[in-house]
Amino acid sequence: MKTRIAESIAIMTIGDGVVAALFPSRHAARWEIGPGPVRRAVSVFVEHPGLMRVVGIAQVVAGVAWVAALPPADG
């Protein structure tokens, strides 16, 4: 069960990274919500789509590495 949960989180990380890499400004802008400090932090990614794209690619790489490191199954 733990392996499936970890893989599910990794898959979400990969998907989020793909969206961030393909649509960096729009993806970041969708998350400009919440308290002022959070909105200001996210606005940096809206203003600098290249930075958001790099973060997205890093998410994909990290997610794939995580899945590759998981055991074949629990037990």
PDB file of N, CA and C in Angstrom:
ATOM      1  N   MET A   1       0.816  -1.204   0.000  1.00  0.00           N
ATOM      2  CA  MET A   1       0.000   0.000   0.000  1.00  0.00           C
ATOM      3  C   MET A   1       0.861   1.271   0.000  1.00  0.00           C
ATOM      4  N   LYS A   2       1.946   1.258   0.796  1.00  0.00           N
ATOM      5  CA  LYS A   2       2.808   2.432   0.851  1.00  0.00           C
ATOM      6  C   LYS A   2       3.436   2.732  -0.503  1.00  0.00           C
ATOM      7  N   THR A   3       3.791   1.703  -1.238  1.00  0.00           N
ATOM      8  CA  THR A   3       4.389   1.900  -2.561  1.00  0.00           C
ATOM      9  C   THR A   3       3.385   2.532  -3.510  1.00  0.00           C
ATOM     10  N   ARG A   4       2.153   2.092  -3.477  1.00  0.00           N
ATOM     11  CA  ARG A   4       1.128   2.675  -4.363  1.00  0.00           C
ATOM     12  C   ARG A   4       0.861   4.136  -4.007  1.00  0.00           C
ATOM     13  N   ILE A   5       0.852   4.448  -2.719  1.00  0.00           N
ATOM     14  CA  ILE A   5       0.658   5.841  -2.306  1.00  0.00           C
ATOM     15  C   ILE A   5       1.826   6.695  -2.794  1.00  0.00           C
ATOM     16  N   ALA A   6       3.044   6.209  -2.586  1.00  0.00           N
ATOM     17  CA  ALA A   6       4.232   6.949  -3.039  1.00  0.00           C
ATOM     18  C   ALA A   6       4.203   7.137  -4.549  1.00  0.00           C
ATOM     19  N   GLU A   7       3.845   6.082  -5.276  1.00  0.00           N
ATOM     20  CA  GLU A   7       3.788   6.199  -6.737  1.00  0.00           C
ATOM     21  C   GLU A   7       2.705   7.185  -7.163  1.00  0.00           C
ATOM     22  N   SER A   8       1.588   7.188  -6.480  1.00  0.00           N
ATOM     23  CA  SER A   8       0.505   8.133  -6.810  1.00  0.00           C
ATOM     24  C   SER A   8       0.959   9.573  -6.612  1.00  0.00           C
ATOM     25  N   ILE A   9       1.666   9.825  -5.521  1.00  0.00           N
ATOM     26  CA  ILE A   9       2.181  11.183  -5.282  1.00  0.00           C
ATOM     27  C   ILE A   9       3.211  11.558  -6.345  1.00  0.00           C
ATOM     28  N   ALA A  10       4.068  10.613  -6.699  1.00  0.00           N
ATOM     29  CA  ALA A  10       5.069  10.873  -7.737  1.00  0.00           C
ATOM     30  C   ALA A  10       4.395  11.175  -9.074  1.00  0.00           C
ATOM     31  N   ILE A  11       3.340  10.455  -9.401  1.00  0.00           N
ATOM     32  CA  ILE A  11       2.624  10.692 -10.661  1.00  0.00           C
ATOM     33  C   ILE A  11       2.012  12.092 -10.665  1.00  0.00           C
ATOM     34  N   MET A  12       1.456  12.520  -9.535  1.00  0.00           N
ATOM     35  CA  MET A  12       0.905  13.878  -9.457  1.00  0.00           C
ATOM     36  C   MET A  12       2.014  14.915  -9.607  1.00  0.00           C
ATOM     37  N   THR A  13       3.170  14.629  -9.028  1.00  0.00           N
ATOM     38  CA  THR A  13       4.318  15.527  -9.146  1.00  0.00           C
ATOM     39  C   THR A  13       4.755  15.641 -10.607  1.00  0.00           C
ATOM     40  N   ILE A  14       4.801  14.518 -11.293  1.00  0.00           N
ATOM     41  CA  ILE A  14       5.181  14.515 -12.714  1.00  0.00           C
ATOM     42  C   ILE A  14       4.166  15.318 -13.532  1.00  0.00           C
ATOM     43  N   GLY A  15       2.897  15.080 -13.311  1.00  0.00           N
ATOM     44  CA  GLY A  15       1.858  15.800 -14.047  1.00  0.00           C
ATOM     45  C   GLY A  15       1.906  17.295 -13.801  1.00  0.00           C
ATOM     46  N   ASP A  16       2.075  17.692 -12.550  1.00  0.00           N
ATOM     47  CA  ASP A  16       2.171  19.106 -12.225  1.00  0.00           C
ATOM     48  C   ASP A  16       3.394  19.721 -12.901  1.00  0.00           C
ATOM     49  N   GLY A  17       4.486  18.976 -12.912  1.00  0.00           N
ATOM     50  CA  GLY A  17       5.698  19.469 -13.564  1.00  0.00           C
ATOM     51  C   GLY A  17       5.528  19.653 -15.058  1.00  0.00           C
ATOM     52  N   VAL A  18       4.824  18.730 -15.694  1.00  0.00           N
ATOM     53  CA  VAL A  18       4.576  18.847 -17.140  1.00  0.00           C
ATOM     54  C   VAL A  18       3.749  20.099 -17.428  1.00  0.00           C
ATOM     55  N   VAL A  19       2.693  20.311 -16.653  1.00  0.00           N
ATOM     56  CA  VAL A  19       1.848  21.492 -16.854  1.00  0.00           C
ATOM     57  C   VAL A  19       2.665  22.769 -16.619  1.00  0.00           C
ATOM     58  N   ALA A  20       3.475  22.778 -15.566  1.00  0.00           N
ATOM     59  CA  ALA A  20       4.305  23.954 -15.269  1.00  0.00           C
ATOM     60  C   ALA A  20       5.318  24.220 -16.382  1.00  0.00           C
ATOM     61  N   ALA A  21       5.870  23.161 -16.968  1.00  0.00           N
ATOM     62  CA  ALA A  21       6.853  23.335 -18.043  1.00  0.00           C
ATOM     63  C   ALA A  21       6.199  23.824 -19.337  1.00  0.00           C
ATOM     64  N   LEU A  22       5.000  23.351 -19.616  1.00  0.00           N
ATOM     65  CA  LEU A  22       4.330  23.730 -20.867  1.00  0.00           C
ATOM     66  C   LEU A  22       3.611  25.076 -20.794  1.00  0.00           C
ATOM     67  N   PHE A  23       3.031  25.384 -19.643  1.00  0.00           N
ATOM     68  CA  PHE A  23       2.226  26.601 -19.480  1.00  0.00           C
ATOM     69  C   PHE A  23       2.644  27.335 -18.202  1.00  0.00           C
ATOM     70  N   PRO A  24       3.891  27.793 -18.121  1.00  0.00           N
ATOM     71  CA  PRO A  24       4.412  28.294 -16.842  1.00  0.00           C
ATOM     72  C   PRO A  24       3.656  29.475 -16.240  1.00  0.00           C
ATOM     73  N   SER A  25       3.375  30.497 -17.021  1.00  0.00           N
ATOM     74  CA  SER A  25       2.707  31.679 -16.468  1.00  0.00           C
ATOM     75  C   SER A  25       1.275  31.375 -16.058  1.00  0.00           C
ATOM     76  N   ARG A  26       0.554  30.698 -16.924  1.00  0.00           N
ATOM     77  CA  ARG A  26      -0.848  30.373 -16.606  1.00  0.00           C
ATOM     78  C   ARG A  26      -0.943  29.455 -15.398  1.00  0.00           C
ATOM     79  N   HIS A  27      -0.047  28.470 -15.335  1.00  0.00           N
ATOM     80  CA  HIS A  27      -0.080  27.532 -14.218  1.00  0.00           C
ATOM     81  C   HIS A  27       0.206  28.259 -12.904  1.00  0.00           C
ATOM     82  N   ALA A  28       1.210  29.104 -12.890  1.00  0.00           N
ATOM     83  CA  ALA A  28       1.538  29.842 -11.668  1.00  0.00           C
ATOM     84  C   ALA A  28       0.413  30.802 -11.291  1.00  0.00           C
ATOM     85  N   ALA A  29      -0.156  31.480 -12.285  1.00  0.00           N
ATOM     86  CA  ALA A  29      -1.217  32.455 -12.005  1.00  0.00           C
ATOM     87  C   ALA A  29      -2.427  31.794 -11.350  1.00  0.00           C
ATOM     88  N   ARG A  30      -2.689  30.554 -11.679  1.00  0.00           N
ATOM     89  CA  ARG A  30      -3.824  29.847 -11.075  1.00  0.00           C
ATOM     90  C   ARG A  30      -3.637  29.630  -9.583  1.00  0.00           C
ATOM     91  N   TRP A  31      -2.403  29.741  -9.114  1.00  0.00           N
ATOM     92  CA  TRP A  31      -2.116  29.497  -7.701  1.00  0.00           C
ATOM     93  C   TRP A  31      -1.823  30.780  -6.929  1.00  0.00           C
ATOM     94  N   GLU A  32      -2.132  31.934  -7.525  1.00  0.00           N
ATOM     95  CA  GLU A  32      -1.985  33.217  -6.822  1.00  0.00           C
ATOM     96  C   GLU A  32      -3.193  33.419  -5.910  1.00  0.00           C
ATOM     97  N   ILE A  33      -3.258  32.629  -4.876  1.00  0.00           N
ATOM     98  CA  ILE A  33      -4.372  32.687  -3.929  1.00  0.00           C
ATOM     99  C   ILE A  33      -3.806  32.652  -2.515  1.00  0.00           C
ATOM    100  N   GLY A  34      -4.636  32.957  -1.566  1.00  0.00           N
ATOM    101  CA  GLY A  34      -4.225  32.858  -0.175  1.00  0.00           C
ATOM    102  C   GLY A  34      -3.647  34.147   0.372  1.00  0.00           C
ATOM    103  N   PRO A  35      -2.903  34.029   1.464  1.00  0.00           N
ATOM    104  CA  PRO A  35      -2.335  35.217   2.109  1.00  0.00           C
ATOM    105  C   PRO A  35      -1.346  35.951   1.210  1.00  0.00           C
ATOM    106  N   GLY A  36      -1.143  37.209   1.518  1.00  0.00           N
ATOM    107  CA  GLY A  36      -0.254  38.059   0.738  1.00  0.00           C
ATOM    108  C   GLY A  36       1.123  37.479   0.477  1.00  0.00           C
ATOM    109  N   PRO A  37       1.801  36.938   1.500  1.00  0.00           N
ATOM    110  CA  PRO A  37       3.140  36.392   1.247  1.00  0.00           C
ATOM    111  C   PRO A  37       3.133  35.249   0.229  1.00  0.00           C
ATOM    112  N   VAL A  38       2.106  34.430   0.253  1.00  0.00           N
ATOM    113  CA  VAL A  38       2.003  33.322  -0.713  1.00  0.00           C
ATOM    114  C   VAL A  38       1.780  33.882  -2.109  1.00  0.00           C
ATOM    115  N   ARG A  39       0.876  34.842  -2.227  1.00  0.00           N
ATOM    116  CA  ARG A  39       0.609  35.445  -3.541  1.00  0.00           C
ATOM    117  C   ARG A  39       1.853  36.119  -4.100  1.00  0.00           C
ATOM    118  N   ARG A  40       2.601  36.803  -3.241  1.00  0.00           N
ATOM    119  CA  ARG A  40       3.831  37.471  -3.705  1.00  0.00           C
ATOM    120  C   ARG A  40       4.870  36.451  -4.163  1.00  0.00           C
ATOM    121  N   ALA A  41       4.997  35.353  -3.435  1.00  0.00           N
ATOM    122  CA  ALA A  41       5.958  34.314  -3.829  1.00  0.00           C
ATOM    123  C   ALA A  41       5.574  33.711  -5.174  1.00  0.00           C
ATOM    124  N   VAL A  42       4.300  33.442  -5.372  1.00  0.00           N
ATOM    125  CA  VAL A  42       3.837  32.843  -6.621  1.00  0.00           C
ATOM    126  C   VAL A  42       3.960  33.838  -7.771  1.00  0.00           C
ATOM    127  N   SER A  43       3.758  35.116  -7.474  1.00  0.00           N
ATOM    128  CA  SER A  43       3.824  36.118  -8.548  1.00  0.00           C
ATOM    129  C   SER A  43       5.213  36.168  -9.186  1.00  0.00           C
ATOM    130  N   VAL A  44       6.248  35.781  -8.448  1.00  0.00           N
ATOM    131  CA  VAL A  44       7.603  35.717  -9.022  1.00  0.00           C
ATOM    132  C   VAL A  44       7.609  34.749 -10.211  1.00  0.00           C
ATOM    133  N   PHE A  45       6.910  33.615 -10.065  1.00  0.00           N
ATOM    134  CA  PHE A  45       6.849  32.631 -11.146  1.00  0.00           C
ATOM    135  C   PHE A  45       5.992  33.125 -12.310  1.00  0.00           C
ATOM    136  N   VAL A  46       4.973  33.917 -12.015  1.00  0.00           N
ATOM    137  CA  VAL A  46       4.152  34.492 -13.088  1.00  0.00           C
ATOM    138  C   VAL A  46       4.999  35.462 -13.905  1.00  0.00           C
ATOM    139  N   GLU A  47       5.797  36.258 -13.215  1.00  0.00           N
ATOM    140  CA  GLU A  47       6.626  37.268 -13.876  1.00  0.00           C
ATOM    141  C   GLU A  47       7.854  36.672 -14.563  1.00  0.00           C
ATOM    142  N   HIS A  48       8.272  35.490 -14.126  1.00  0.00           N
ATOM    143  CA  HIS A  48       9.473  34.849 -14.675  1.00  0.00           C
ATOM    144  C   HIS A  48       9.130  33.421 -15.115  1.00  0.00           C
ATOM    145  N   PRO A  49       8.457  33.281 -16.256  1.00  0.00           N
ATOM    146  CA  PRO A  49       8.021  31.953 -16.704  1.00  0.00           C
ATOM    147  C   PRO A  49       9.171  30.970 -16.910  1.00  0.00           C
ATOM    148  N   GLY A  50      10.347  31.463 -17.247  1.00  0.00           N
ATOM    149  CA  GLY A  50      11.494  30.563 -17.411  1.00  0.00           C
ATOM    150  C   GLY A  50      11.838  29.858 -16.110  1.00  0.00           C
ATOM    151  N   LEU A  51      11.748  30.579 -15.011  1.00  0.00           N
ATOM    152  CA  LEU A  51      11.998  29.989 -13.695  1.00  0.00           C
ATOM    153  C   LEU A  51      10.945  28.927 -13.383  1.00  0.00           C
ATOM    154  N   MET A  52       9.681  29.228 -13.695  1.00  0.00           N
ATOM    155  CA  MET A  52       8.608  28.253 -13.472  1.00  0.00           C
ATOM    156  C   MET A  52       8.824  27.016 -14.325  1.00  0.00           C
ATOM    157  N   ARG A  53       9.289  27.219 -15.544  1.00  0.00           N
ATOM    158  CA  ARG A  53       9.553  26.095 -16.448  1.00  0.00           C
ATOM    159  C   ARG A  53      10.669  25.200 -15.889  1.00  0.00           C
ATOM    160  N   VAL A  54      11.707  25.806 -15.341  1.00  0.00           N
ATOM    161  CA  VAL A  54      12.803  25.038 -14.741  1.00  0.00           C
ATOM    162  C   VAL A  54      12.303  24.237 -13.545  1.00  0.00           C
ATOM    163  N   VAL A  55      11.486  24.852 -12.714  1.00  0.00           N
ATOM    164  CA  VAL A  55      10.914  24.149 -11.562  1.00  0.00           C
ATOM    165  C   VAL A  55      10.055  22.976 -12.045  1.00  0.00           C
ATOM    166  N   GLY A  56       9.270  23.195 -13.086  1.00  0.00           N
ATOM    167  CA  GLY A  56       8.439  22.119 -13.631  1.00  0.00           C
ATOM    168  C   GLY A  56       9.268  20.954 -14.144  1.00  0.00           C
ATOM    169  N   ILE A  57      10.327  21.260 -14.852  1.00  0.00           N
ATOM    170  CA  ILE A  57      11.203  20.191 -15.368  1.00  0.00           C
ATOM    171  C   ILE A  57      11.861  19.445 -14.212  1.00  0.00           C
ATOM    172  N   ALA A  58      12.261  20.183 -13.183  1.00  0.00           N
ATOM    173  CA  ALA A  58      12.856  19.540 -12.002  1.00  0.00           C
ATOM    174  C   ALA A  58      11.841  18.617 -11.318  1.00  0.00           C
ATOM    175  N   GLN A  59      10.576  19.027 -11.288  1.00  0.00           N
ATOM    176  CA  GLN A  59       9.528  18.176 -10.717  1.00  0.00           C
ATOM    177  C   GLN A  59       9.392  16.876 -11.510  1.00  0.00           C
ATOM    178  N   VAL A  60       9.416  16.982 -12.823  1.00  0.00           N
ATOM    179  CA  VAL A  60       9.300  15.781 -13.657  1.00  0.00           C
ATOM    180  C   VAL A  60      10.475  14.846 -13.386  1.00  0.00           C
ATOM    181  N   VAL A  61      11.674  15.387 -13.375  1.00  0.00           N
ATOM    182  CA  VAL A  61      12.866  14.566 -13.140  1.00  0.00           C
ATOM    183  C   VAL A  61      12.798  13.918 -11.757  1.00  0.00           C
ATOM    184  N   ALA A  62      12.435  14.682 -10.756  1.00  0.00           N
ATOM    185  CA  ALA A  62      12.348  14.142  -9.393  1.00  0.00           C
ATOM    186  C   ALA A  62      11.266  13.066  -9.289  1.00  0.00           C
ATOM    187  N   GLY A  63      10.119  13.306  -9.915  1.00  0.00           N
ATOM    188  CA  GLY A  63       9.039  12.321  -9.881  1.00  0.00           C
ATOM    189  C   GLY A  63       9.420  11.021 -10.562  1.00  0.00           C
ATOM    190  N   VAL A  64      10.077  11.111 -11.694  1.00  0.00           N
ATOM    191  CA  VAL A  64      10.509   9.907 -12.415  1.00  0.00           C
ATOM    192  C   VAL A  64      11.568   9.159 -11.602  1.00  0.00           C
ATOM    193  N   ALA A  65      12.501   9.890 -11.003  1.00  0.00           N
ATOM    194  CA  ALA A  65      13.530   9.255 -10.173  1.00  0.00           C
ATOM    195  C   ALA A  65      12.908   8.559  -8.967  1.00  0.00           C
ATOM    196  N   TRP A  66      11.893   9.197  -8.388  1.00  0.00           N
ATOM    197  CA  TRP A  66      11.208   8.613  -7.244  1.00  0.00           C
ATOM    198  C   TRP A  66      10.541   7.297  -7.637  1.00  0.00           C
ATOM    199  N   VAL A  67       9.808   7.311  -8.751  1.00  0.00           N
ATOM    200  CA  VAL A  67       9.130   6.089  -9.209  1.00  0.00           C
ATOM    201  C   VAL A  67      10.171   5.001  -9.517  1.00  0.00           C
ATOM    202  N   ALA A  68      11.264   5.367 -10.133  1.00  0.00           N
ATOM    203  CA  ALA A  68      12.287   4.387 -10.476  1.00  0.00           C
ATOM    204  C   ALA A  68      12.906   3.748  -9.231  1.00  0.00           C
ATOM    205  N   ALA A  69      12.940   4.490  -8.137  1.00  0.00           N
ATOM    206  CA  ALA A  69      13.532   3.982  -6.904  1.00  0.00           C
ATOM    207  C   ALA A  69      12.574   3.134  -6.056  1.00  0.00           C
ATOM    208  N   LEU A  70      11.304   3.148  -6.394  1.00  0.00           N
ATOM    209  CA  LEU A  70      10.336   2.384  -5.615  1.00  0.00           C
ATOM    210  C   LEU A  70      10.487   0.897  -5.848  1.00  0.00           C
ATOM    211  N   PRO A  71      10.206   0.103  -4.830  1.00  0.00           N
ATOM    212  CA  PRO A  71      10.241  -1.356  -5.024  1.00  0.00           C
ATOM    213  C   PRO A  71       9.091  -1.784  -5.931  1.00  0.00           C
ATOM    214  N   PRO A  72       9.191  -2.975  -6.541  1.00  0.00           N
ATOM    215  CA  PRO A  72       8.131  -3.432  -7.447  1.00  0.00           C
ATOM    216  C   PRO A  72       6.763  -3.527  -6.782  1.00  0.00           C
ATOM    217  N   ALA A  73       6.731  -3.887  -5.502  1.00  0.00           N
ATOM    218  CA  ALA A  73       5.463  -3.985  -4.773  1.00  0.00           C
ATOM    219  C   ALA A  73       5.752  -4.027  -3.285  1.00  0.00           C
ATOM    220  N   ASP A  74       4.762  -3.702  -2.486  1.00  0.00           N
ATOM    221  CA  ASP A  74       4.908  -3.827  -1.033  1.00  0.00           C
ATOM    222  C   ASP A  74       4.996  -5.296  -0.668  1.00  0.00           C
ATOM    223  N   GLY A  75       5.713  -5.539   0.378  1.00  0.00           N
ATOM    224  CA  GLY A  75       5.692  -6.904   0.871  1.00  0.00           C
ATOM    225  C   GLY A  75       7.021  -7.464   0.923  1.00  0.00           C
TER     226      GLY A  75
END
